[in-house]
Protein backbone atom coordinates (compact mmCIF):
# COMPACT_ATOMS: atom_id res chain seq x y z
CA MET A 1 2.52 8.21 -3.92
CA ALA A 2 0.86 7.18 -0.70
CA SER A 3 3.04 5.87 2.10
CA SER A 4 2.98 2.31 3.42
CA SER A 5 1.37 1.15 6.62
CA SER A 6 3.49 0.57 9.71
CA SER A 7 4.86 -2.83 10.65
CA SER A 8 3.69 -4.38 13.86
CA SER A 9 6.44 -4.39 16.46
CA SER A 10 5.12 -7.64 17.93
CA SER A 11 5.53 -9.65 14.73
CA SER A 12 8.57 -10.63 12.68
CA MET A 13 6.39 -10.66 9.56
CA SER A 14 4.39 -7.78 8.12
CA THR A 15 2.75 -6.81 4.88
CA LEU A 16 3.65 -3.53 3.26
CA LYS A 17 0.31 -2.11 2.12
CA LEU A 18 0.33 0.76 -0.32
CA LYS A 19 -2.76 2.91 -0.86
CA ALA A 20 -4.26 3.23 -4.31
CA VAL A 21 -3.50 6.38 -6.26
CA SER A 22 -5.98 8.30 -8.38
CA GLU A 23 -5.94 7.91 -12.15
CA PRO A 24 -3.52 10.49 -13.60
CA ASN A 25 -4.00 12.73 -16.58
CA PRO A 26 -3.20 10.47 -19.59
CA ASN A 27 -0.73 13.09 -20.83
CA GLU A 28 1.09 13.23 -17.53
CA THR A 29 3.47 10.78 -15.84
CA ALA A 30 3.39 10.56 -12.05
CA LYS A 31 6.78 9.48 -10.73
CA LYS A 32 6.35 9.63 -6.97
CA SER A 33 8.46 6.85 -5.53
CA GLU A 34 9.06 5.13 -2.22
CA THR A 35 12.31 3.51 -1.16
CA ILE A 36 12.22 0.67 1.37
CA ASP A 37 15.53 -0.01 3.11
CA LEU A 38 15.74 -3.76 3.69
CA GLY A 39 19.00 -3.49 5.62
CA ASN A 40 22.48 -4.87 4.93
CA GLY A 41 22.89 -3.07 1.63
CA SER A 42 19.54 -4.05 0.10
CA ASP A 43 16.64 -1.82 -0.87
CA VAL A 44 13.55 -1.64 -3.07
CA VAL A 45 12.26 1.36 -5.00
CA PHE A 46 8.53 1.36 -5.83
CA ILE A 47 6.92 3.78 -8.30
CA GLN A 48 3.16 3.22 -8.31
CA ARG A 49 2.56 4.94 -11.63
CA LEU A 50 5.56 5.29 -13.90
CA ILE A 51 3.69 5.09 -17.21
CA PRO A 52 0.33 6.86 -17.79
CA SER A 53 -2.62 4.52 -18.21
CA GLU A 54 -3.31 5.24 -21.88
CA GLN A 55 0.29 4.59 -22.93
CA SER A 56 0.47 1.52 -20.70
CA TRP A 57 -2.53 0.00 -22.48
CA LYS A 58 -1.02 0.70 -25.90
CA TRP A 59 2.14 -1.16 -24.90
CA PHE A 60 0.16 -3.95 -23.25
CA ASN A 61 -1.93 -4.56 -26.38
CA TYR A 62 1.15 -4.55 -28.62
CA LEU A 63 3.08 -6.99 -26.43
CA ASP A 64 0.12 -9.30 -25.91
CA LYS A 65 -0.41 -9.56 -29.68
CA HIS A 66 3.08 -9.41 -31.19
CA ILE A 67 5.56 -10.98 -28.74
CA PRO A 68 6.34 -14.65 -29.61
CA TRP A 69 5.22 -16.02 -26.26
CA THR A 70 6.21 -19.53 -25.26
CA ARG A 71 5.44 -21.71 -22.24
CA PRO A 72 8.51 -23.92 -21.85
CA THR A 73 9.12 -27.08 -19.90
CA ILE A 74 11.43 -26.39 -16.96
CA ARG A 75 13.10 -28.62 -14.38
CA VAL A 76 13.04 -27.82 -10.66
CA PHE A 77 14.25 -30.12 -7.85
CA GLY A 78 14.63 -32.96 -10.34
CA LYS A 79 11.07 -32.72 -11.67
CA SER A 80 10.00 -31.45 -15.11
CA PHE A 81 6.82 -29.43 -15.58
CA LEU A 82 5.32 -26.75 -17.78
CA GLN A 83 6.30 -23.27 -16.62
CA PRO A 84 3.14 -21.67 -15.14
CA ARG A 85 3.37 -18.50 -17.27
CA ASP A 86 4.33 -17.46 -20.80
CA THR A 87 7.75 -15.96 -21.45
CA CYS A 88 10.06 -14.31 -23.98
CA TYR A 89 13.67 -13.11 -23.73
CA VAL A 90 15.23 -10.06 -25.40
CA ALA A 91 18.90 -9.07 -25.12
CA THR A 92 21.69 -7.10 -26.73
CA SER A 93 23.77 -9.33 -29.01
CA GLY A 94 27.01 -10.85 -27.70
CA LEU A 95 25.94 -11.22 -24.06
CA THR A 96 26.35 -14.31 -21.92
CA GLU A 97 23.39 -16.59 -22.63
CA LEU A 98 20.62 -16.85 -20.05
CA SER A 99 19.75 -20.26 -18.65
CA TYR A 100 17.44 -21.10 -15.75
CA SER A 101 15.75 -24.27 -14.47
CA GLY A 102 17.19 -26.29 -17.33
CA TYR A 103 15.78 -23.93 -19.96
CA GLN A 104 17.79 -21.69 -22.29
CA PRO A 105 15.52 -19.20 -24.08
CA HIS A 106 16.21 -17.82 -27.53
CA ALA A 107 17.40 -14.20 -27.29
CA TYR A 108 15.45 -11.88 -29.57
CA SER A 109 16.85 -8.49 -30.58
CA TRP A 110 15.51 -5.14 -29.40
CA ASP A 111 15.04 -4.29 -33.09
CA ASP A 112 12.68 -7.24 -33.52
CA TYR A 113 10.03 -5.44 -31.46
CA PRO A 114 10.70 -1.65 -31.64
CA PRO A 115 8.25 -0.57 -28.87
CA LEU A 116 10.50 -2.42 -26.40
CA LYS A 117 13.17 0.21 -27.02
CA ASP A 118 10.67 2.93 -26.11
CA ILE A 119 9.80 1.10 -22.91
CA LEU A 120 13.50 0.66 -22.11
CA ASP A 121 14.04 4.40 -22.65
CA ALA A 122 11.20 5.20 -20.23
CA VAL A 123 12.72 2.94 -17.55
CA HIS A 124 16.20 4.41 -18.06
CA LYS A 125 14.76 7.92 -17.76
CA ALA A 126 13.16 7.00 -14.43
CA LEU A 127 16.39 5.42 -13.13
CA PRO A 128 19.32 7.74 -13.99
CA GLY A 129 22.61 5.87 -14.12
CA SER A 130 21.03 2.52 -14.96
CA SER A 131 22.06 0.68 -18.12
CA PHE A 132 19.96 -2.41 -18.79
CA ASN A 133 20.80 -4.69 -21.72
CA SER A 134 18.44 -7.63 -21.26
CA LEU A 135 14.72 -8.12 -20.75
CA LEU A 136 12.71 -11.11 -19.60
CA LEU A 137 8.99 -10.79 -20.34
CA ASN A 138 6.39 -12.87 -18.51
CA ARG A 139 2.68 -13.10 -19.26
CA TYR A 140 0.25 -14.27 -16.58
CA LYS A 141 -3.03 -15.22 -18.26
CA GLY A 142 -5.04 -15.41 -15.06
CA GLY A 143 -4.79 -16.11 -11.36
CA ASP A 144 -3.52 -19.66 -11.81
CA ASP A 145 -0.37 -18.41 -13.54
CA TYR A 146 2.38 -17.60 -11.07
CA VAL A 147 6.09 -17.64 -10.25
CA GLY A 148 7.30 -19.49 -7.17
CA TRP A 149 9.86 -18.43 -4.58
CA HIS A 150 13.26 -17.68 -6.10
CA ALA A 151 16.09 -15.15 -6.29
CA ASP A 152 17.54 -13.69 -9.49
CA ASP A 153 21.05 -14.57 -8.35
CA GLU A 154 22.51 -15.94 -11.59
CA LYS A 155 26.21 -15.10 -11.89
CA LEU A 156 25.77 -13.27 -15.21
CA TYR A 157 24.04 -10.43 -13.31
CA GLY A 158 26.88 -9.82 -10.85
CA PRO A 159 26.79 -9.75 -7.01
CA THR A 160 24.57 -6.67 -6.64
CA PRO A 161 22.18 -6.60 -9.62
CA GLU A 162 19.69 -3.83 -10.20
CA ILE A 163 16.45 -5.45 -11.41
CA ALA A 164 13.60 -3.25 -12.65
CA SER A 165 10.14 -4.78 -13.05
CA LEU A 166 7.44 -2.94 -15.04
CA SER A 167 3.85 -4.21 -14.75
CA LEU A 168 1.11 -3.85 -17.38
CA GLY A 169 -2.47 -5.09 -17.16
CA CYS A 170 -4.10 -6.90 -14.25
CA ASP A 171 -3.00 -6.10 -10.68
CA ARG A 172 -0.96 -8.84 -9.00
CA ASP A 173 0.77 -9.21 -5.66
CA PHE A 174 4.56 -9.33 -5.51
CA VAL A 175 5.88 -10.85 -2.28
CA LEU A 176 9.42 -10.34 -1.02
CA LYS A 177 10.64 -12.59 1.81
CA LYS A 178 13.91 -12.71 3.70
CA LYS A 179 15.94 -15.88 3.13
CA PRO A 180 16.28 -18.16 6.16
CA SER A 181 19.67 -17.51 7.73
CA LYS A 182 21.79 -20.65 8.08
CA LYS A 183 24.65 -18.69 9.57
CA PRO A 184 25.54 -15.01 9.89
CA HIS A 185 27.01 -13.55 6.72
CA ASP A 186 30.43 -12.13 7.44
CA GLY A 187 29.79 -9.21 5.07
CA SER A 188 33.38 -9.22 3.85
CA ASP A 189 32.34 -8.30 0.30
CA GLU A 190 30.35 -5.18 1.14
CA PRO A 191 31.27 -1.74 2.55
CA ALA A 192 31.48 -1.37 6.31
CA SER A 193 28.82 1.37 6.25
CA LYS A 194 26.37 -1.12 4.72
CA ARG A 195 27.30 -3.94 7.11
CA LEU A 196 26.54 -1.75 10.09
CA LYS A 197 22.96 -1.11 9.01
CA LYS A 198 20.36 -3.04 10.94
CA SER A 199 18.24 -5.58 9.12
CA SER A 200 14.69 -4.68 8.16
CA ASN A 201 12.13 -4.90 10.96
CA SER A 202 9.98 -6.98 8.62
CA ASP A 203 10.81 -10.38 7.18
CA GLN A 204 8.18 -10.09 4.43
CA HIS A 205 6.74 -7.33 2.25
CA THR A 206 3.84 -7.48 -0.19
CA PHE A 207 3.50 -4.96 -3.01
CA ARG A 208 0.38 -4.56 -5.13
CA LEU A 209 1.77 -4.16 -8.64
CA LYS A 210 -0.67 -2.07 -10.64
CA HIS A 211 -0.90 -1.17 -14.31
CA GLY A 212 2.07 1.07 -15.19
CA SER A 213 3.97 0.55 -11.91
CA LEU A 214 7.72 -0.04 -11.57
CA LEU A 215 9.44 -2.00 -8.78
CA VAL A 216 13.24 -2.01 -8.53
CA MET A 217 15.34 -4.38 -6.41
CA ARG A 218 18.90 -3.22 -5.69
CA GLY A 219 22.05 -4.00 -3.76
CA TYR A 220 22.20 -7.39 -2.05
CA THR A 221 18.46 -8.10 -2.37
CA GLN A 222 19.04 -11.21 -4.51
CA ARG A 223 21.57 -12.57 -2.03
CA ASP A 224 19.47 -12.07 1.08
CA TRP A 225 15.84 -12.17 -0.13
CA ILE A 226 13.56 -14.28 -2.33
CA HIS A 227 10.41 -13.20 -4.16
CA SER A 228 7.31 -14.61 -5.82
CA VAL A 229 4.09 -13.74 -7.66
CA PRO A 230 1.62 -16.14 -5.99
CA LYS A 231 -1.60 -17.53 -7.42
CA ARG A 232 -4.65 -15.32 -6.94
CA ALA A 233 -8.12 -16.73 -7.62
CA LYS A 234 -9.64 -13.29 -8.23
CA ALA A 235 -7.00 -12.27 -10.80
CA GLU A 236 -8.94 -13.29 -13.91
CA ALA A 237 -7.35 -10.90 -16.44
CA THR A 238 -3.90 -10.93 -18.06
CA ARG A 239 -0.79 -9.29 -16.62
CA ILE A 240 2.42 -8.67 -18.58
CA ASN A 241 5.62 -8.12 -16.64
CA LEU A 242 8.84 -6.75 -18.13
CA THR A 243 11.94 -7.41 -16.03
CA PHE A 244 15.04 -5.42 -17.03
CA ARG A 245 18.53 -6.53 -16.00
CA ARG A 246 22.15 -5.87 -16.91
CA VAL A 247 24.24 -8.85 -18.01
CA PHE A 248 28.00 -8.52 -17.39
């Protein structure tokens, strides 16, 4: 995987630009990864091509056709509106129920859509030691579909969730931005070795999420950072995103 461009020392904000990689052999999986240390116990792992293109399209076509997509009404800052993307939730039975923005999705079983178990196996193989038991799928049907600034900091994921995001279909930007600091965090709930690390030199990173790529947020990323998939006028095709998490 190609390396990112350097951040400008004269700016507190930079964009992490990653060069395009050549199309791999369809029978081969390229797993070159890059780890970005965000400081204070947070980091991001980015694998530009986890799943070969041919297999990625097979999964994309299955999910696009067979998943029971819904576009729910959600409530944010006291206002109700239609969520600007389609969604579906899958989880192991018996887990704490997911609820966000006034919406509680129905939890489908992994057995309801067997290819999801194959995708989960591929993600687990790429991330040894991970053990995901829930999946939130989102479908962006063009550049007007998006997700606004937020953090996946729900209590059911614990204080340091590992969140793995697999992208299929149209390229979209994923933007990660440091939360405004109201007051210094005392760091009492994290190891001293992590507290001593300097913060990232950049307050914002942009990743181009391509077909078959995997982005993983770890550590205290949800506590200290927010992320979004902004609108993009030129993104006319559909993107399906699978976000794997572990519910405790």
